[in-house]
Every structure is written in structure tokens, then in C-alpha cells.
Protein backbone atom coordinates (compact mmCIF):
# COMPACT_ATOMS: atom_id res chain seq x y z
CA MET A 1 23.82 151.54 100.22
CA ALA A 2 23.56 152.24 96.48
CA THR A 3 23.82 149.15 94.29
CA LEU A 4 24.63 149.07 90.58
CA ILE A 5 23.59 145.84 88.87
CA LEU A 6 25.37 145.30 85.56
CA PHE A 7 24.04 142.83 82.99
CA ASP A 8 25.64 141.00 80.11
CA VAL A 9 23.34 140.69 77.06
CA ASP A 10 23.60 137.44 75.05
CA GLY A 11 22.48 134.51 77.17
CA THR A 12 21.77 136.79 80.12
CA LEU A 13 19.01 139.19 79.05
CA THR A 14 18.44 137.81 75.55
CA ALA A 15 18.31 134.16 74.45
CA THR A 16 20.40 134.97 71.39
CA ASN A 17 23.60 132.94 71.74
CA ALA A 18 22.93 130.83 68.64
CA ALA A 19 21.86 133.78 66.48
CA ASP A 20 24.82 135.80 67.73
CA ALA A 21 27.36 133.14 66.76
CA LYS A 22 25.83 132.54 63.33
CA CYS A 23 25.56 136.22 62.43
CA TYR A 24 28.97 137.15 63.87
CA ALA A 25 30.66 134.49 61.74
CA ALA A 26 28.76 135.59 58.61
CA ALA A 27 29.65 139.26 59.13
CA PHE A 28 33.29 138.39 59.80
CA ALA A 29 33.53 136.41 56.54
CA HIS A 30 31.85 139.23 54.60
CA VAL A 31 34.11 141.99 55.91
CA PHE A 32 37.44 140.20 56.22
CA GLY A 33 37.14 137.66 53.40
CA MET A 34 38.07 134.69 55.57
CA LEU A 35 36.34 132.25 57.87
CA LEU A 36 36.30 132.86 61.59
CA PRO A 37 38.40 130.10 63.20
CA THR A 38 35.75 129.20 65.77
CA THR A 39 32.66 130.54 67.54
CA ASP A 40 33.82 128.97 70.80
CA TRP A 41 34.38 132.38 72.37
CA GLY A 42 36.26 130.91 75.31
CA VAL A 43 39.34 130.10 73.21
CA TYR A 44 40.06 133.77 72.52
CA ALA A 45 42.21 135.88 74.83
CA GLN A 46 39.49 138.56 74.97
CA SER A 47 35.95 137.23 74.57
CA THR A 48 34.56 140.47 73.15
CA ASP A 49 33.49 141.32 69.61
CA SER A 50 36.39 143.70 69.05
CA GLY A 51 38.91 141.60 70.95
CA ILE A 52 38.17 138.52 68.85
CA ILE A 53 38.52 140.46 65.59
CA HIS A 54 41.84 141.99 66.62
CA GLU A 55 43.24 138.64 67.74
CA VAL A 56 42.26 136.79 64.56
CA MET A 57 43.49 139.51 62.22
CA LYS A 58 46.77 139.92 64.12
CA LYS A 59 47.45 136.22 63.65
CA ALA A 60 46.29 136.23 60.00
CA ARG A 61 48.07 139.32 58.73
CA GLY A 62 50.34 140.60 61.46
CA HIS A 63 48.35 143.65 62.58
CA LYS A 64 45.01 144.44 64.16
CA ALA A 65 41.88 145.53 62.34
CA SER A 66 41.45 149.20 61.52
CA GLN A 67 38.66 151.32 62.94
CA LYS A 68 37.17 151.46 59.44
CA GLU A 69 37.04 147.66 59.36
CA LEU A 70 35.50 147.49 62.84
CA ASP A 71 32.81 149.96 61.77
CA ALA A 72 32.12 147.94 58.62
CA PHE A 73 31.89 144.76 60.68
CA GLU A 74 29.42 146.34 63.09
CA ARG A 75 27.17 147.42 60.23
CA SER A 76 27.40 144.00 58.60
CA PHE A 77 26.70 142.25 61.91
CA VAL A 78 23.50 144.25 62.44
CA PHE A 79 22.43 143.49 58.85
CA GLU A 80 22.95 139.77 59.46
CA LEU A 81 20.97 139.96 62.71
CA GLU A 82 18.11 141.73 60.95
CA GLN A 83 18.04 139.04 58.26
CA GLU A 84 18.16 136.29 60.88
CA PHE A 85 15.34 137.87 62.88
CA ALA A 86 13.16 138.08 59.76
CA ALA A 87 13.76 134.38 59.11
CA ASN A 88 13.79 133.12 62.70
CA PRO A 89 12.25 135.51 65.25
CA ASP A 90 12.21 132.73 67.88
CA GLY A 91 15.99 133.05 68.00
CA PHE A 92 15.61 136.47 69.63
CA ARG A 93 13.59 135.68 72.74
CA GLU A 94 14.15 137.20 76.14
CA ILE A 95 15.51 135.23 79.03
CA PRO A 96 12.22 134.77 80.93
CA GLY A 97 11.42 137.81 83.05
CA ALA A 98 14.34 139.95 81.84
CA ARG A 99 12.41 143.01 80.70
CA ALA A 100 10.13 143.01 83.75
CA LEU A 101 13.15 142.66 86.04
CA LEU A 102 14.85 145.71 84.54
CA ASP A 103 11.68 147.70 85.22
CA ALA A 104 11.53 146.31 88.77
CA ILE A 105 15.11 147.40 89.46
CA ALA A 106 14.33 150.90 88.20
CA ALA A 107 11.47 151.07 90.73
CA ARG A 108 13.65 150.08 93.69
CA PRO A 109 15.26 152.89 95.69
CA GLY A 110 19.02 152.55 95.92
CA MET A 111 19.34 150.26 92.89
CA ARG A 112 20.20 150.94 89.28
CA ALA A 113 20.58 148.58 86.32
CA GLY A 114 23.29 148.96 83.70
CA ILE A 115 24.62 147.03 80.72
CA ALA A 116 28.19 145.79 80.27
CA SER A 117 28.26 143.68 77.13
CA GLY A 118 31.11 142.10 75.21
CA GLY A 119 29.08 142.75 72.07
CA MET A 120 29.26 145.87 69.95
CA ARG A 121 26.92 148.74 70.70
CA ALA A 122 24.72 148.52 67.59
CA SER A 123 24.37 144.74 67.58
CA ALA A 124 23.74 144.43 71.33
CA SER A 125 21.22 147.28 71.20
CA TYR A 126 19.44 145.61 68.28
CA LYS A 127 19.13 142.31 70.17
CA LEU A 128 17.79 144.13 73.23
CA SER A 129 15.27 145.96 71.06
CA ARG A 130 13.86 142.59 69.92
CA ILE A 131 12.78 141.90 73.51
CA GLY A 132 11.40 145.40 74.02
CA VAL A 133 14.37 146.87 75.89
CA ASP A 134 15.78 150.27 74.91
CA ALA A 135 19.52 150.20 75.66
CA THR A 136 19.68 154.00 75.83
CA ARG A 137 17.69 153.88 79.09
CA PHE A 138 20.70 152.47 80.92
CA PRO A 139 24.31 153.37 81.61
CA ALA A 140 25.99 151.01 79.19
CA ALA A 141 29.31 150.02 77.67
CA PHE A 142 30.18 147.68 74.84
CA ALA A 143 33.08 146.25 72.83
CA ASN A 144 33.36 149.64 71.12
CA ASP A 145 34.64 151.02 74.43
CA SER A 146 37.31 148.41 75.19
CA ILE A 147 38.56 145.07 73.91
CA SER A 148 38.54 143.67 77.46
CA ARG A 149 35.59 142.78 79.65
CA GLU A 150 37.23 144.62 82.53
CA GLY A 151 37.52 147.79 80.47
CA ILE A 152 33.90 147.51 79.39
CA VAL A 153 32.77 147.15 83.01
CA GLU A 154 34.86 150.14 84.03
CA SER A 155 33.26 152.25 81.27
CA ALA A 156 29.76 151.19 82.31
CA ILE A 157 30.48 152.08 85.94
CA ALA A 158 31.84 155.49 84.91
CA ARG A 159 28.62 156.22 83.00
CA ALA A 160 26.36 155.22 85.87
CA ASP A 161 26.51 158.52 87.78
CA GLY A 162 27.82 156.95 90.96
CA PRO A 163 29.39 156.56 93.34
CA TYR A 164 28.04 153.10 94.15
CA ASP A 165 28.88 151.26 97.33
CA ASP A 166 28.13 147.92 95.76
CA ILE A 167 28.34 146.44 92.25
CA VAL A 168 26.77 143.15 91.19
CA TYR A 169 27.49 141.61 87.80
CA VAL A 170 25.00 139.25 86.14
CA GLY A 171 26.21 136.99 83.35
CA ASP A 172 26.09 133.55 81.77
CA GLY A 173 29.62 132.89 80.52
CA PRO A 174 32.93 131.81 82.03
CA TRP A 175 34.36 135.19 81.00
CA ASP A 176 31.70 136.85 83.18
CA VAL A 177 32.81 134.81 86.18
CA LYS A 178 36.45 135.65 85.46
CA THR A 179 35.77 139.37 85.11
CA SER A 180 33.84 139.44 88.38
CA ALA A 181 36.59 137.56 90.18
CA THR A 182 39.29 139.83 88.77
CA MET A 183 37.44 143.01 89.67
CA GLY A 184 36.05 141.81 92.99
CA MET A 185 32.43 142.26 91.94
CA ARG A 186 29.66 140.21 93.46
CA PHE A 187 28.28 137.83 90.81
CA ILE A 188 24.99 136.17 89.89
CA GLY A 189 25.14 133.50 87.20
CA ILE A 190 22.34 132.93 84.72
CA SER A 191 22.39 129.37 83.47
CA GLY A 192 19.49 129.45 80.98
CA ASP A 193 19.66 126.18 79.04
CA ALA A 194 23.22 125.45 80.13
CA PRO A 195 24.10 123.50 83.28
CA ALA A 196 24.74 125.78 86.24
CA GLU A 197 27.49 123.40 87.37
CA LYS A 198 29.89 124.94 84.84
CA LEU A 199 29.57 128.38 86.42
CA TYR A 200 29.79 126.94 89.93
CA ALA A 201 32.96 125.06 88.96
CA LEU A 202 34.51 128.35 87.86
CA GLY A 203 33.87 130.05 91.18
CA ALA A 204 30.27 131.33 91.01
CA ARG A 205 28.39 131.11 94.30
CA ILE A 206 24.83 131.79 93.10
CA CYS A 207 23.19 130.83 89.81
CA LEU A 208 19.62 131.31 88.63
CA GLN A 209 18.02 129.81 85.56
CA ASP A 210 16.22 133.03 84.64
CA PHE A 211 14.40 136.08 86.03
CA SER A 212 10.88 134.65 86.15
CA ASP A 213 10.61 135.38 89.88
CA PRO A 214 11.94 138.89 90.62
CA GLU A 215 11.89 138.34 94.39
CA ILE A 216 14.21 135.37 94.05
CA PHE A 217 16.56 137.59 92.05
CA PHE A 218 16.48 140.35 94.67
CA GLU A 219 17.23 137.79 97.38
CA ALA A 220 20.18 136.66 95.26
CA VAL A 221 21.39 140.27 95.10
CA LYS A 222 21.44 140.36 98.89
CA SER A 223 23.49 137.18 99.26
CA ALA A 224 25.67 137.18 96.14
CA GLU A 225 29.43 137.04 96.61
CA ALA A 226 32.45 137.66 94.41
CA PRO A 227 33.55 134.44 92.67
CA VAL A 228 36.53 132.57 93.99
CA ALA A 229 39.11 132.74 91.20
CA SER A 230 39.86 129.34 89.69
CA ILE A 231 43.03 128.22 87.93
CA SER A 232 40.77 126.64 85.29
CA LEU A 233 39.54 130.03 84.14
CA ARG A 234 40.86 130.99 80.72
CA LYS A 235 42.86 134.18 80.41
């Protein structure tokens, strides 16, 4: 059986949730000349970088952002991340064991790692580079490819040179649980500093704090199940 293991980025491979929110909001204000309503990503219909922008701008001015604006935002976002890293490099740590785990997956016959991030390509790749991970090594898809998490996952799978008999998604957010439930993917939650109970309450069956023990992760891959969809999941 060939298994494709797809990873989210912020909060899953990189401990960058705080830096991401701060820099996203700054880039949004710079490009669109208005404050982002909230960095609580769960309130948006699509919790992806492009989906959030389109939703906010549609409400503010009646139409979605242009591709030119999205490109300008992506450049500004990376600039803000670079400035934040220079001032606070501790805000760009890896989730313990993440880089070593990606190497361990590459060494396992029948397994391949990929990236399916709700972030934009340039910003997600920059954050991965800060922990020593080259995003171009992996089949990957980002918010440039789709405004929906499901579309991003589908793009990542298409780039993974399958077919794969089995797909496991690894993520830290409620939107990751929802996407896995919707698409019938087996799911492993990464809780990091957040309580695992939140992911369990949304239907996750297995949660790990980090990747510090690769064998525990590989055991989780064997026993992971698709989440049970919950009515409390946001659309």
C-alpha cells in the first residue's frame, strides 16, 4: 500500500501561528488600506490566505480581490515575515522533530510526504525555510491553487505522482479536521501548545503534541482514522 502523508504548515510543521497572524494583518492593511476584521481564522468561510482576502473584500467593496492585489499581498506578506524574523527569530521555530520526520518519511518505502497549506506559496515556503525545510522537495499546494482547503488538498494529491491507496492528513486546526472529514482522509492532529481536546471534540481520533518521537508518529499513521464529522464544525 502506498501512503501519501500531507502536512499543513503553520502550527503543524512550523511554530509560526503568532508570527503568521501578525504579519498577515500588517500585509493586509498595507495592500488594501483597511484593517483585517479579525485574525481568528475560524470565523471565515474559507480559512485560507486567498479565501480570507476575497471574503473581506467582497463584503467591503462588493467584489473580490484582483490577481494583481493577491500578488501584491503575497509579496508584502513575505516582506513582513522577513522583518519579523529579523526581530524575533524565536517566532519561527519548528514543531519539535518536524524536519527529521520529513526525512524519515522519505526513507520509508511506500510512503511520501507532501504539503497542503492554507497559506500562500511564497509565505509558506519562507516559513518552512526558517526551519531548514525546502518546500520544493515535496508535492505541494497552497492558497494560490484554490481558495478552499479541499481544493488545495486535491491539487497536492494531483502533484504527488500517485496513485496512492491511502492518504493521511496532518494538521492543527479545526479546518484541518473538517477538510479530512469532508474528504474521507485519515487524520492525525498536532496539538502543539493548544489543548488536544479541541481537536478531539471536532472528530479527531488521534492527536500528538509534536514529532519528537518518529516511531510514535508512524504508529499513529497505522491506526489513524478519518474524523467523525461534527455539527459544531464551522463551514
